[in-house]
Amino acid sequence: MKRFMLTVVFAGLVVAAGPVCAGAAEATPKAPEPPRLAVTVADETVTTGYDLKPQAIEDLQELKKKFADLAAAIPQDKYTWRPGPGVRSVSETLLHVTQANYFILSLMGVTRPAGTDAKDFEKSTTDKTKIIGELNKSFAFAEAEVGKMTNADFAKPLPKLGPKANDGDVVYLLVTHCHEHLGQMIAYARINGVVPPWTAAAQAKRGKSPQD
């Protein structure tokens, strides 16, 4: 039985979707074709059936939950902790992510809520409850804005960011930026003796303690 790799190319990013079984595909009725997205890569127009919008929304939903759960697990007295001079503290990192969720989307013309562009936003509070509230609002805002987009919007040119840039690149930047700082927050939590809640839950399900 023949197998081949389905590869998606978007804004210079190559994503291998996994092996596809040719024989199985021939044996089942064809599903309706998804909306196709045409993007320009290396002066060539590439058309793909991969729907980027639901994947971006799914990523943002997962990121929102992990950030909120981790922020809730970190004690209030650790919100001013930082790994060294000149490095963002716990509260500053969470507020940085909050502000960036608005700023990155503004690169494609989305209007930021009033006050979220303040220079001292990251240092505006160390209150755990307030920070988690602001963090959740920023993710809800990002999810709603991406939800308004169509496949065609992902391919909309954005020359101010580069000759080959488009709105899809902004969404990609938004998601990858969040993942970068989620890793940072996991490290901050571990250093302070806090096990990420999703890890603790998985270990408990397997009958292991978080320290195992």
C-alpha atoms as a PDB file:
ATOM      1  CA  MET A   1       0.000   0.000   0.000  1.00  0.00           C
ATOM      2  CA  LYS A   2       1.463   3.297  -1.007  1.00  0.00           C
ATOM      3  CA  ARG A   3       2.127   5.987   1.580  1.00  0.00           C
ATOM      4  CA  PHE A   4       3.166   9.575   1.149  1.00  0.00           C
ATOM      5  CA  MET A   5       3.654  12.673   3.296  1.00  0.00           C
ATOM      6  CA  LEU A   6       1.182  15.549   3.113  1.00  0.00           C
ATOM      7  CA  THR A   7       3.115  18.781   3.556  1.00  0.00           C
ATOM      8  CA  VAL A   8       1.658  22.220   4.215  1.00  0.00           C
ATOM      9  CA  VAL A   9       3.678  25.305   3.339  1.00  0.00           C
ATOM     10  CA  PHE A  10       2.691  28.606   4.936  1.00  0.00           C
ATOM     11  CA  ALA A  11       4.744  31.788   5.068  1.00  0.00           C
ATOM     12  CA  GLY A  12       7.982  29.863   4.789  1.00  0.00           C
ATOM     13  CA  LEU A  13       6.939  27.301   7.413  1.00  0.00           C
ATOM     14  CA  VAL A  14       6.790  23.662   6.339  1.00  0.00           C
ATOM     15  CA  VAL A  15       4.529  21.431   8.418  1.00  0.00           C
ATOM     16  CA  ALA A  16       4.417  17.685   7.792  1.00  0.00           C
ATOM     17  CA  ALA A  17       0.893  16.549   8.536  1.00  0.00           C
ATOM     18  CA  GLY A  18       1.820  12.863   8.664  1.00  0.00           C
ATOM     19  CA  PRO A  19       1.606   9.772   6.471  1.00  0.00           C
ATOM     20  CA  VAL A  20      -1.464   9.413   4.325  1.00  0.00           C
ATOM     21  CA  CYS A  21      -2.598   5.988   3.255  1.00  0.00           C
ATOM     22  CA  ALA A  22      -3.450   6.141  -0.434  1.00  0.00           C
ATOM     23  CA  GLY A  23      -5.312   2.831  -0.464  1.00  0.00           C
ATOM     24  CA  ALA A  24      -7.556   3.777   2.453  1.00  0.00           C
ATOM     25  CA  ALA A  25      -8.386   7.109   0.849  1.00  0.00           C
ATOM     26  CA  GLU A  26      -9.551   5.341  -2.312  1.00  0.00           C
ATOM     27  CA  ALA A  27     -11.750   2.961  -0.329  1.00  0.00           C
ATOM     28  CA  THR A  28     -13.786   5.672   1.430  1.00  0.00           C
ATOM     29  CA  PRO A  29     -16.126   8.334  -0.017  1.00  0.00           C
ATOM     30  CA  LYS A  30     -14.515  11.678  -0.607  1.00  0.00           C
ATOM     31  CA  ALA A  31     -15.302  14.270   2.057  1.00  0.00           C
ATOM     32  CA  PRO A  32     -16.230  17.802   0.974  1.00  0.00           C
ATOM     33  CA  GLU A  33     -13.068  19.748   0.229  1.00  0.00           C
ATOM     34  CA  PRO A  34     -12.207  22.373   2.876  1.00  0.00           C
ATOM     35  CA  PRO A  35     -11.823  26.025   1.900  1.00  0.00           C
ATOM     36  CA  ARG A  36      -8.458  26.444   0.233  1.00  0.00           C
ATOM     37  CA  LEU A  37      -5.942  29.080   1.201  1.00  0.00           C
ATOM     38  CA  ALA A  38      -3.539  30.539  -1.344  1.00  0.00           C
ATOM     39  CA  VAL A  39      -0.317  32.035   0.026  1.00  0.00           C
ATOM     40  CA  THR A  40       2.789  33.307  -1.687  1.00  0.00           C
ATOM     41  CA  VAL A  41       6.053  31.644  -0.714  1.00  0.00           C
ATOM     42  CA  ALA A  42       9.342  32.348  -2.487  1.00  0.00           C
ATOM     43  CA  ASP A  43       7.543  34.096  -5.362  1.00  0.00           C
ATOM     44  CA  GLU A  44       5.245  31.118  -5.890  1.00  0.00           C
ATOM     45  CA  THR A  45       1.564  30.843  -5.028  1.00  0.00           C
ATOM     46  CA  VAL A  46       0.883  27.758  -2.924  1.00  0.00           C
ATOM     47  CA  THR A  47      -2.678  26.539  -2.433  1.00  0.00           C
ATOM     48  CA  THR A  48      -3.464  24.393   0.585  1.00  0.00           C
ATOM     49  CA  GLY A  49      -6.602  22.836   2.022  1.00  0.00           C
ATOM     50  CA  TYR A  50      -5.264  23.161   5.579  1.00  0.00           C
ATOM     51  CA  ASP A  51      -7.575  25.392   7.586  1.00  0.00           C
ATOM     52  CA  LEU A  52      -5.353  27.542   9.822  1.00  0.00           C
ATOM     53  CA  LYS A  53      -8.094  29.376  11.722  1.00  0.00           C
ATOM     54  CA  PRO A  54      -9.462  26.534  13.917  1.00  0.00           C
ATOM     55  CA  GLN A  55      -5.933  25.365  14.723  1.00  0.00           C
ATOM     56  CA  ALA A  56      -4.943  28.879  15.881  1.00  0.00           C
ATOM     57  CA  ILE A  57      -8.073  29.141  18.023  1.00  0.00           C
ATOM     58  CA  GLU A  58      -7.447  25.712  19.550  1.00  0.00           C
ATOM     59  CA  ASP A  59      -3.869  26.735  20.396  1.00  0.00           C
ATOM     60  CA  LEU A  60      -5.050  29.986  22.011  1.00  0.00           C
ATOM     61  CA  GLN A  61      -7.659  28.144  24.089  1.00  0.00           C
ATOM     62  CA  GLU A  62      -5.078  25.673  25.365  1.00  0.00           C
ATOM     63  CA  LEU A  63      -2.588  28.452  26.094  1.00  0.00           C
ATOM     64  CA  LYS A  64      -5.219  30.445  27.985  1.00  0.00           C
ATOM     65  CA  LYS A  65      -6.044  27.478  30.212  1.00  0.00           C
ATOM     66  CA  LYS A  66      -2.422  26.590  30.929  1.00  0.00           C
ATOM     67  CA  PHE A  67      -1.440  30.181  31.720  1.00  0.00           C
ATOM     68  CA  ALA A  68      -4.476  30.667  33.983  1.00  0.00           C
ATOM     69  CA  ASP A  69      -3.996  27.343  35.774  1.00  0.00           C
ATOM     70  CA  LEU A  70      -0.288  27.955  36.304  1.00  0.00           C
ATOM     71  CA  ALA A  71      -0.853  31.547  37.450  1.00  0.00           C
ATOM     72  CA  ALA A  72      -3.436  30.290  39.943  1.00  0.00           C
ATOM     73  CA  ALA A  73      -1.052  27.625  41.270  1.00  0.00           C
ATOM     74  CA  ILE A  74       1.748  30.113  41.981  1.00  0.00           C
ATOM     75  CA  PRO A  75       1.329  31.682  45.450  1.00  0.00           C
ATOM     76  CA  GLN A  76       0.756  35.433  45.719  1.00  0.00           C
ATOM     77  CA  ASP A  77       3.996  35.876  47.656  1.00  0.00           C
ATOM     78  CA  LYS A  78       5.939  34.538  44.667  1.00  0.00           C
ATOM     79  CA  TYR A  79       4.507  37.051  42.202  1.00  0.00           C
ATOM     80  CA  THR A  80       7.397  39.440  42.867  1.00  0.00           C
ATOM     81  CA  TRP A  81      10.006  36.681  42.495  1.00  0.00           C
ATOM     82  CA  ARG A  82      12.502  37.032  39.676  1.00  0.00           C
ATOM     83  CA  PRO A  83      15.464  34.796  38.745  1.00  0.00           C
ATOM     84  CA  GLY A  84      17.911  37.691  38.810  1.00  0.00           C
ATOM     85  CA  PRO A  85      18.334  41.470  38.517  1.00  0.00           C
ATOM     86  CA  GLY A  86      16.935  42.963  35.340  1.00  0.00           C
ATOM     87  CA  VAL A  87      14.808  39.886  34.537  1.00  0.00           C
ATOM     88  CA  ARG A  88      11.010  39.987  34.543  1.00  0.00           C
ATOM     89  CA  SER A  89       9.304  38.782  37.717  1.00  0.00           C
ATOM     90  CA  VAL A  90       6.358  36.385  37.751  1.00  0.00           C
ATOM     91  CA  SER A  91       3.832  39.226  37.698  1.00  0.00           C
ATOM     92  CA  GLU A  92       5.751  41.166  35.038  1.00  0.00           C
ATOM     93  CA  THR A  93       5.954  38.117  32.774  1.00  0.00           C
ATOM     94  CA  LEU A  94       2.235  37.432  33.011  1.00  0.00           C
ATOM     95  CA  LEU A  95       1.415  41.071  32.312  1.00  0.00           C
ATOM     96  CA  HIS A  96       3.910  41.072  29.436  1.00  0.00           C
ATOM     97  CA  VAL A  97       1.994  38.204  27.822  1.00  0.00           C
ATOM     98  CA  THR A  98      -1.273  40.033  28.488  1.00  0.00           C
ATOM     99  CA  GLN A  99      -0.077  43.230  26.816  1.00  0.00           C
ATOM    100  CA  ALA A 100       1.578  41.392  23.922  1.00  0.00           C
ATOM    101  CA  ASN A 101      -1.668  39.587  23.094  1.00  0.00           C
ATOM    102  CA  TYR A 102      -3.133  42.996  22.287  1.00  0.00           C
ATOM    103  CA  PHE A 103      -0.028  44.514  20.711  1.00  0.00           C
ATOM    104  CA  ILE A 104       0.731  41.671  18.301  1.00  0.00           C
ATOM    105  CA  LEU A 105      -2.819  41.721  16.938  1.00  0.00           C
ATOM    106  CA  SER A 106      -2.566  45.491  16.476  1.00  0.00           C
ATOM    107  CA  LEU A 107       0.111  44.796  13.847  1.00  0.00           C
ATOM    108  CA  MET A 108      -2.688  43.779  11.487  1.00  0.00           C
ATOM    109  CA  GLY A 109      -4.923  46.716  12.386  1.00  0.00           C
ATOM    110  CA  VAL A 110      -6.849  45.436  15.413  1.00  0.00           C
ATOM    111  CA  THR A 111      -7.660  48.235  17.874  1.00  0.00           C
ATOM    112  CA  ARG A 112      -6.306  47.620  21.361  1.00  0.00           C
ATOM    113  CA  PRO A 113      -8.491  48.257  24.434  1.00  0.00           C
ATOM    114  CA  ALA A 114      -7.754  51.555  26.171  1.00  0.00           C
ATOM    115  CA  GLY A 115      -4.862  51.445  28.630  1.00  0.00           C
ATOM    116  CA  THR A 116      -3.274  48.260  27.325  1.00  0.00           C
ATOM    117  CA  ASP A 117      -0.576  50.236  25.515  1.00  0.00           C
ATOM    118  CA  ALA A 118       0.738  51.893  28.696  1.00  0.00           C
ATOM    119  CA  LYS A 119       4.529  51.801  29.030  1.00  0.00           C
ATOM    120  CA  ASP A 120       4.313  50.757  32.676  1.00  0.00           C
ATOM    121  CA  PHE A 121       1.671  48.077  32.063  1.00  0.00           C
ATOM    122  CA  GLU A 122       3.967  45.231  33.119  1.00  0.00           C
ATOM    123  CA  LYS A 123       4.611  46.937  36.461  1.00  0.00           C
ATOM    124  CA  SER A 124       1.049  48.169  36.992  1.00  0.00           C
ATOM    125  CA  THR A 125       0.136  45.564  39.626  1.00  0.00           C
ATOM    126  CA  THR A 126       1.411  42.511  41.460  1.00  0.00           C
ATOM    127  CA  ASP A 127      -2.067  41.458  42.608  1.00  0.00           C
ATOM    128  CA  LYS A 128      -2.582  37.823  41.627  1.00  0.00           C
ATOM    129  CA  THR A 129      -6.356  38.047  41.165  1.00  0.00           C
ATOM    130  CA  LYS A 130      -6.158  41.157  39.001  1.00  0.00           C
ATOM    131  CA  ILE A 131      -3.375  39.726  36.857  1.00  0.00           C
ATOM    132  CA  ILE A 132      -5.223  36.468  36.181  1.00  0.00           C
ATOM    133  CA  GLY A 133      -8.313  38.480  35.272  1.00  0.00           C
ATOM    134  CA  GLU A 134      -6.381  40.662  32.816  1.00  0.00           C
ATOM    135  CA  LEU A 135      -4.606  37.639  31.360  1.00  0.00           C
ATOM    136  CA  ASN A 136      -7.895  35.856  30.711  1.00  0.00           C
ATOM    137  CA  LYS A 137      -9.394  38.962  29.102  1.00  0.00           C
ATOM    138  CA  SER A 138      -6.465  39.284  26.713  1.00  0.00           C
ATOM    139  CA  PHE A 139      -6.783  35.666  25.576  1.00  0.00           C
ATOM    140  CA  ALA A 140     -10.539  36.027  25.126  1.00  0.00           C
ATOM    141  CA  PHE A 141      -9.888  39.145  23.040  1.00  0.00           C
ATOM    142  CA  ALA A 142      -7.304  37.347  20.898  1.00  0.00           C
ATOM    143  CA  GLU A 143      -9.558  34.346  20.344  1.00  0.00           C
ATOM    144  CA  ALA A 144     -12.458  36.588  19.328  1.00  0.00           C
ATOM    145  CA  GLU A 145     -10.336  38.550  16.850  1.00  0.00           C
ATOM    146  CA  VAL A 146      -8.895  35.433  15.221  1.00  0.00           C
ATOM    147  CA  GLY A 147     -12.432  34.040  15.137  1.00  0.00           C
ATOM    148  CA  LYS A 148     -13.488  36.939  12.914  1.00  0.00           C
ATOM    149  CA  MET A 149     -10.879  36.044  10.299  1.00  0.00           C
ATOM    150  CA  THR A 150     -11.431  33.999   7.160  1.00  0.00           C
ATOM    151  CA  ASN A 151      -8.936  31.843   5.296  1.00  0.00           C
ATOM    152  CA  ALA A 152      -8.553  34.696   2.838  1.00  0.00           C
ATOM    153  CA  ASP A 153      -7.647  37.031   5.723  1.00  0.00           C
ATOM    154  CA  PHE A 154      -4.726  34.803   6.672  1.00  0.00           C
ATOM    155  CA  ALA A 155      -3.270  35.428   3.217  1.00  0.00           C
ATOM    156  CA  LYS A 156      -3.958  39.184   3.270  1.00  0.00           C
ATOM    157  CA  PRO A 157      -0.673  41.006   2.458  1.00  0.00           C
ATOM    158  CA  LEU A 158       0.904  43.046   5.243  1.00  0.00           C
ATOM    159  CA  PRO A 159       3.806  44.833   3.509  1.00  0.00           C
ATOM    160  CA  LYS A 160       4.655  47.019   6.522  1.00  0.00           C
ATOM    161  CA  LEU A 161       6.043  43.889   8.184  1.00  0.00           C
ATOM    162  CA  GLY A 162       7.928  42.691   5.119  1.00  0.00           C
ATOM    163  CA  PRO A 163       7.520  42.093   1.391  1.00  0.00           C
ATOM    164  CA  LYS A 164       6.206  38.558   1.928  1.00  0.00           C
ATOM    165  CA  ALA A 165       4.337  39.157   5.215  1.00  0.00           C
ATOM    166  CA  ASN A 166       0.626  38.620   5.694  1.00  0.00           C
ATOM    167  CA  ASP A 167      -1.970  38.606   8.481  1.00  0.00           C
ATOM    168  CA  GLY A 168      -1.413  34.902   9.024  1.00  0.00           C
ATOM    169  CA  ASP A 169       2.149  35.683  10.075  1.00  0.00           C
ATOM    170  CA  VAL A 170       0.752  37.895  12.857  1.00  0.00           C
ATOM    171  CA  VAL A 171      -1.396  35.048  14.199  1.00  0.00           C
ATOM    172  CA  TYR A 172       1.617  32.734  14.009  1.00  0.00           C
ATOM    173  CA  LEU A 173       3.672  35.285  15.959  1.00  0.00           C
ATOM    174  CA  LEU A 174       0.920  35.597  18.572  1.00  0.00           C
ATOM    175  CA  VAL A 175       0.808  31.850  19.228  1.00  0.00           C
ATOM    176  CA  THR A 176       4.581  31.302  19.242  1.00  0.00           C
ATOM    177  CA  HIS A 177       5.132  34.277  21.566  1.00  0.00           C
ATOM    178  CA  CYS A 178       2.693  32.784  24.064  1.00  0.00           C
ATOM    179  CA  HIS A 179       4.390  29.386  23.877  1.00  0.00           C
ATOM    180  CA  GLU A 180       7.772  31.016  24.517  1.00  0.00           C
ATOM    181  CA  HIS A 181       6.593  32.621  27.743  1.00  0.00           C
ATOM    182  CA  LEU A 182       4.596  29.595  28.854  1.00  0.00           C
ATOM    183  CA  GLY A 183       7.907  27.745  28.924  1.00  0.00           C
ATOM    184  CA  GLN A 184       9.399  30.599  30.941  1.00  0.00           C
ATOM    185  CA  MET A 185       6.519  30.458  33.437  1.00  0.00           C
ATOM    186  CA  ILE A 186       6.857  26.686  33.798  1.00  0.00           C
ATOM    187  CA  ALA A 187      10.528  27.186  34.709  1.00  0.00           C
ATOM    188  CA  TYR A 188       9.611  29.951  37.191  1.00  0.00           C
ATOM    189  CA  ALA A 189       7.017  27.684  38.804  1.00  0.00           C
ATOM    190  CA  ARG A 190       9.343  24.685  39.068  1.00  0.00           C
ATOM    191  CA  ILE A 191      12.117  26.749  40.637  1.00  0.00           C
ATOM    192  CA  ASN A 192       9.630  27.847  43.280  1.00  0.00           C
ATOM    193  CA  GLY A 193       8.414  24.333  43.979  1.00  0.00           C
ATOM    194  CA  VAL A 194       5.177  24.579  41.985  1.00  0.00           C
ATOM    195  CA  VAL A 195       4.304  21.647  39.729  1.00  0.00           C
ATOM    196  CA  PRO A 196       2.286  22.665  36.642  1.00  0.00           C
ATOM    197  CA  PRO A 197      -1.312  21.614  37.379  1.00  0.00           C
ATOM    198  CA  TRP A 198      -1.694  19.610  34.150  1.00  0.00           C
ATOM    199  CA  THR A 199       1.466  17.655  35.026  1.00  0.00           C
ATOM    200  CA  ALA A 200       0.265  17.020  38.574  1.00  0.00           C
ATOM    201  CA  ALA A 201      -3.107  15.816  37.240  1.00  0.00           C
ATOM    202  CA  ALA A 202      -1.480  13.445  34.741  1.00  0.00           C
ATOM    203  CA  GLN A 203       0.853  12.030  37.382  1.00  0.00           C
ATOM    204  CA  ALA A 204      -1.985  11.581  39.863  1.00  0.00           C
ATOM    205  CA  LYS A 205      -3.942   9.687  37.217  1.00  0.00           C
ATOM    206  CA  ARG A 206      -0.981   7.348  36.800  1.00  0.00           C
ATOM    207  CA  GLY A 207      -0.698   6.932  40.572  1.00  0.00           C
ATOM    208  CA  LYS A 208       2.523   8.887  40.884  1.00  0.00           C
ATOM    209  CA  SER A 209       3.302  11.896  43.067  1.00  0.00           C
ATOM    210  CA  PRO A 210       4.344  15.184  41.371  1.00  0.00           C
ATOM    211  CA  GLN A 211       7.870  14.613  42.664  1.00  0.00           C
ATOM    212  CA  ASP A 212       8.240  11.184  41.004  1.00  0.00           C
END
